[in-house]
Amino acid sequence: MRKKKVIFDVFFREKPAMMLVELKNADANVYASVLAKQIDCTYSHVVKILQEMQKAELINFKKEGRLKLLELTKKGRDVASNIESIRTML
C-alpha cells in the first residue's frame, strides 16, 4: 500500500486531491475548518487551495449565515471521481 501512495503522490499533490475526494464522499455539510481536520492540514492552507479550486470551477462556496458551505460543481465531482479511479488503479 505504501508504494501505491508514493506513486499516487508523484502524479497528484496529495492534499488538494484528497480535499476533492473528501468533498465528494461527504454525507453532510462541509466547511473549510472540517475539511482541514479531515485531511490533517492547516485551515489557512485549505482556504488557499479552495480559492484556487473555486477559480477552476471545481467548487462553490455557499453562504449560510456566517458560515461558508463547500459544494462541488459537476466538474468538481467528475474530477474527484477520476482521482478516486486513478488511485485505485495505482
Protein backbone atom coordinates (compact mmCIF):
# COMPACT_ATOMS: atom_id res chain seq x y z
CA MET A 1 0.00 0.00 0.00
CA ARG A 2 2.82 2.42 0.82
CA LYS A 3 4.25 2.08 -2.69
CA LYS A 4 0.85 2.89 -4.20
CA LYS A 5 0.59 6.04 -2.09
CA VAL A 6 4.04 7.18 -3.21
CA ILE A 7 3.26 6.75 -6.91
CA PHE A 8 -0.11 8.48 -6.45
CA ASP A 9 1.66 11.45 -4.86
CA VAL A 10 4.02 11.61 -7.85
CA PHE A 11 1.06 12.41 -10.11
CA PHE A 12 -1.11 14.37 -7.69
CA ARG A 13 -0.45 16.71 -4.82
CA GLU A 14 -1.97 14.73 -2.02
CA LYS A 15 -3.87 17.38 -0.04
CA PRO A 16 -5.79 19.03 -2.91
CA ALA A 17 -6.66 15.64 -4.39
CA MET A 18 -7.87 14.35 -1.03
CA MET A 19 -9.89 17.54 -0.46
CA LEU A 20 -11.90 16.90 -3.62
CA VAL A 21 -12.40 13.23 -2.74
CA GLU A 22 -13.48 14.12 0.83
CA LEU A 23 -15.97 16.67 -0.51
CA LYS A 24 -17.35 14.14 -2.98
CA ASN A 25 -17.79 11.47 -0.31
CA ALA A 26 -19.16 13.77 2.41
CA ASP A 27 -22.58 12.79 3.67
CA ALA A 28 -23.19 16.10 5.45
CA ASN A 29 -22.44 19.79 5.02
CA VAL A 30 -18.72 20.50 4.82
CA TYR A 31 -16.94 23.65 5.91
CA ALA A 32 -13.28 24.57 5.39
CA SER A 33 -12.49 24.01 9.08
CA VAL A 34 -13.98 20.50 8.99
CA LEU A 35 -12.13 19.70 5.77
CA ALA A 36 -8.84 20.88 7.29
CA LYS A 37 -9.25 18.41 10.16
CA GLN A 38 -10.23 15.57 7.84
CA ILE A 39 -7.11 15.88 5.70
CA ASP A 40 -4.79 16.96 8.54
CA CYS A 41 -3.94 20.35 7.10
CA THR A 42 -3.97 23.92 8.38
CA TYR A 43 -7.13 25.96 7.90
CA SER A 44 -5.28 28.71 6.03
CA HIS A 45 -3.71 26.23 3.60
CA VAL A 46 -7.11 24.63 2.95
CA VAL A 47 -8.71 28.02 2.27
CA LYS A 48 -5.93 28.94 -0.18
CA ILE A 49 -6.41 25.65 -2.08
CA LEU A 50 -10.21 26.08 -2.03
CA GLN A 51 -9.89 29.55 -3.56
CA GLU A 52 -7.83 28.07 -6.41
CA MET A 53 -10.41 25.30 -6.84
CA GLN A 54 -13.17 27.90 -7.00
CA LYS A 55 -11.28 29.76 -9.75
CA ALA A 56 -11.02 26.45 -11.63
CA GLU A 57 -14.79 25.99 -11.19
CA LEU A 58 -14.37 22.80 -9.15
CA ILE A 59 -16.18 24.06 -6.04
CA ASN A 60 -18.61 26.73 -4.94
CA PHE A 61 -18.90 28.49 -1.62
CA LYS A 62 -22.48 28.71 -0.41
CA LYS A 63 -23.03 31.24 2.36
CA GLU A 64 -25.19 30.03 5.24
CA GLY A 65 -25.35 32.77 7.83
CA ARG A 66 -21.77 33.46 8.86
CA LEU A 67 -20.57 30.09 7.59
CA LYS A 68 -19.45 29.15 4.11
CA LEU A 69 -20.56 25.72 2.97
CA LEU A 70 -18.48 23.95 0.36
CA GLU A 71 -20.06 22.18 -2.57
CA LEU A 72 -18.56 20.51 -5.60
CA THR A 73 -19.63 21.61 -9.05
CA LYS A 74 -20.38 18.96 -11.66
CA LYS A 75 -16.83 19.43 -12.97
CA GLY A 76 -15.51 19.04 -9.40
CA ARG A 77 -17.45 15.80 -8.88
CA ASP A 78 -16.14 14.44 -12.19
CA VAL A 79 -12.54 15.31 -11.28
CA ALA A 80 -12.94 13.76 -7.80
CA SER A 81 -14.37 10.57 -9.31
CA ASN A 82 -11.47 10.34 -11.74
CA ILE A 83 -8.94 10.88 -8.94
CA GLU A 84 -10.54 8.02 -7.00
CA SER A 85 -10.44 5.78 -10.08
CA ILE A 86 -6.78 6.53 -10.73
CA ARG A 87 -5.90 5.96 -7.09
CA THR A 88 -7.50 2.51 -7.14
CA MET A 89 -5.75 1.64 -10.43
CA LEU A 90 -2.33 2.53 -8.99
